[in-house]
N, C-alpha and C. Protein backbone atom coordinates (compact mmCIF):
# COMPACT_ATOMS: atom_id res chain seq x y z
N ILE A 1 -50.23 -6.74 -68.22
CA ILE A 1 -49.29 -6.26 -66.95
C ILE A 1 -48.93 -5.03 -67.70
N VAL A 2 -48.37 -4.99 -69.21
CA VAL A 2 -48.13 -3.51 -69.30
C VAL A 2 -48.78 -2.57 -69.84
N LEU A 3 -50.26 -3.16 -70.37
CA LEU A 3 -51.43 -2.59 -70.68
C LEU A 3 -52.15 -1.94 -69.21
N LEU A 4 -52.13 -2.68 -68.22
CA LEU A 4 -52.50 -1.72 -66.90
C LEU A 4 -51.48 -0.70 -66.53
N ALA A 5 -50.25 -1.06 -66.13
CA ALA A 5 -49.43 -0.14 -66.13
C ALA A 5 -49.57 0.95 -66.92
N MET A 6 -50.13 1.08 -68.06
CA MET A 6 -49.70 2.06 -68.87
C MET A 6 -51.17 3.02 -68.68
N LEU A 7 -52.34 2.05 -68.18
CA LEU A 7 -53.48 3.00 -68.02
C LEU A 7 -53.35 3.47 -66.49
N LEU A 8 -52.66 2.72 -65.77
CA LEU A 8 -52.50 3.54 -64.60
C LEU A 8 -51.48 4.70 -64.54
N VAL A 9 -50.91 5.13 -65.37
CA VAL A 9 -49.93 6.37 -65.53
C VAL A 9 -50.74 7.16 -66.76
N GLN A 10 -51.92 7.07 -67.94
CA GLN A 10 -52.22 7.67 -67.73
C GLN A 10 -53.51 7.98 -67.30
N ILE A 11 -54.02 7.64 -66.45
CA ILE A 11 -54.87 7.88 -65.30
C ILE A 11 -54.41 8.86 -64.13
N GLN A 12 -53.40 8.61 -63.52
CA GLN A 12 -52.14 9.54 -62.92
C GLN A 12 -51.47 10.91 -63.60
N ALA A 13 -51.45 10.36 -64.95
CA ALA A 13 -51.24 11.85 -65.70
C ALA A 13 -51.94 12.88 -65.96
N ILE A 14 -53.51 12.38 -65.65
CA ILE A 14 -54.44 13.10 -66.17
C ILE A 14 -54.84 14.12 -64.97
N PRO A 15 -55.03 13.55 -63.91
CA PRO A 15 -55.12 14.60 -62.98
C PRO A 15 -54.46 15.87 -62.44
N GLN A 16 -53.23 15.42 -62.91
CA GLN A 16 -52.08 16.37 -62.18
C GLN A 16 -52.39 17.76 -62.35
N GLY A 17 -53.35 17.73 -63.89
CA GLY A 17 -53.98 19.39 -64.10
C GLY A 17 -54.75 19.89 -63.26
N PRO A 18 -55.88 20.39 -63.70
CA PRO A 18 -56.87 21.16 -62.84
C PRO A 18 -57.67 20.49 -61.79
N SER A 19 -57.00 18.89 -62.19
CA SER A 19 -58.09 17.92 -61.09
C SER A 19 -58.09 17.67 -59.50
N TYR A 20 -58.03 16.96 -59.33
CA TYR A 20 -57.86 16.38 -58.02
C TYR A 20 -55.87 16.16 -57.69
N LEU A 21 -55.81 16.27 -56.14
CA LEU A 21 -54.71 16.11 -56.67
C LEU A 21 -53.96 14.59 -56.53
N PRO A 22 -52.63 14.56 -57.24
CA PRO A 22 -52.31 13.18 -57.36
C PRO A 22 -50.97 13.25 -56.39
N PRO A 23 -50.55 11.83 -55.90
CA PRO A 23 -49.55 11.54 -54.80
C PRO A 23 -48.16 13.26 -54.84
N SER A 24 -48.00 12.94 -56.38
CA SER A 24 -46.44 13.86 -56.44
C SER A 24 -47.01 15.44 -56.65
N GLY A 25 -47.87 15.50 -57.78
CA GLY A 25 -48.44 17.24 -57.27
C GLY A 25 -48.95 17.53 -56.44
N GLY A 26 -49.81 16.46 -55.48
CA GLY A 26 -50.32 16.80 -54.36
C GLY A 26 -49.52 18.13 -52.50
N ALA A 27 -47.60 17.29 -53.25
CA ALA A 27 -47.54 17.91 -52.42
C ALA A 27 -46.58 18.92 -52.69
N ALA A 28 -46.76 19.37 -53.90
CA ALA A 28 -46.34 20.19 -54.85
C ALA A 28 -47.07 21.47 -54.60
N ALA A 29 -48.17 21.25 -54.22
CA ALA A 29 -49.51 22.34 -55.03
C ALA A 29 -49.81 22.72 -53.08
N ARG A 30 -49.46 21.73 -51.71
CA ARG A 30 -49.70 22.16 -50.75
C ARG A 30 -48.95 23.63 -50.64
N PRO A 31 -47.41 23.43 -50.68
CA PRO A 31 -46.47 24.73 -50.71
C PRO A 31 -47.21 25.64 -51.28
N GLY A 32 -47.63 25.95 -52.60
CA GLY A 32 -47.90 26.81 -53.35
C GLY A 32 -48.71 27.93 -52.44
N GLY A 33 -49.96 27.34 -52.17
CA GLY A 33 -50.80 27.59 -51.43
C GLY A 33 -51.70 29.00 -51.80
N GLY A 34 -51.62 29.23 -53.38
CA GLY A 34 -52.43 29.96 -54.25
C GLY A 34 -53.69 29.45 -54.27
N GLY A 35 -54.36 29.96 -55.70
CA GLY A 35 -55.64 29.62 -55.87
C GLY A 35 -55.63 27.80 -56.52
N ASN A 36 -54.68 27.51 -55.96
CA ASN A 36 -54.27 26.03 -56.68
C ASN A 36 -54.18 25.16 -54.97
N GLY A 37 -54.80 26.09 -54.10
CA GLY A 37 -54.88 25.26 -52.85
C GLY A 37 -55.82 24.42 -52.82
N HIS A 38 -57.02 24.69 -53.65
CA HIS A 38 -58.33 24.17 -53.91
C HIS A 38 -58.55 22.45 -53.57
N PRO A 39 -57.52 22.21 -54.32
CA PRO A 39 -57.55 20.58 -54.60
C PRO A 39 -57.74 19.88 -53.51
N ASP A 40 -57.71 20.47 -52.23
CA ASP A 40 -57.68 19.76 -51.07
C ASP A 40 -59.46 19.53 -50.85
N ASP A 41 -60.01 21.01 -51.05
CA ASP A 41 -61.28 20.86 -50.97
C ASP A 41 -61.72 19.37 -52.35
N TRP A 42 -61.61 19.23 -52.83
CA TRP A 42 -62.01 18.26 -53.46
C TRP A 42 -61.91 17.37 -53.41
N ALA A 43 -60.87 16.37 -52.50
CA ALA A 43 -60.07 15.57 -51.55
C ALA A 43 -61.38 15.16 -50.80
N GLY A 44 -61.84 16.07 -50.04
CA GLY A 44 -62.65 16.71 -48.81
C GLY A 44 -61.95 16.97 -47.90
């Protein structure tokens, strides 16, 4: 169970960068509206 939690944390930590928007980073990226608004396009 601990290993699964660690993997989930790492998987959610990696996309927070230039990849698609995570649950927390996405909400913070939308108000920005600048060049970082493209993650919405990645999501579809």
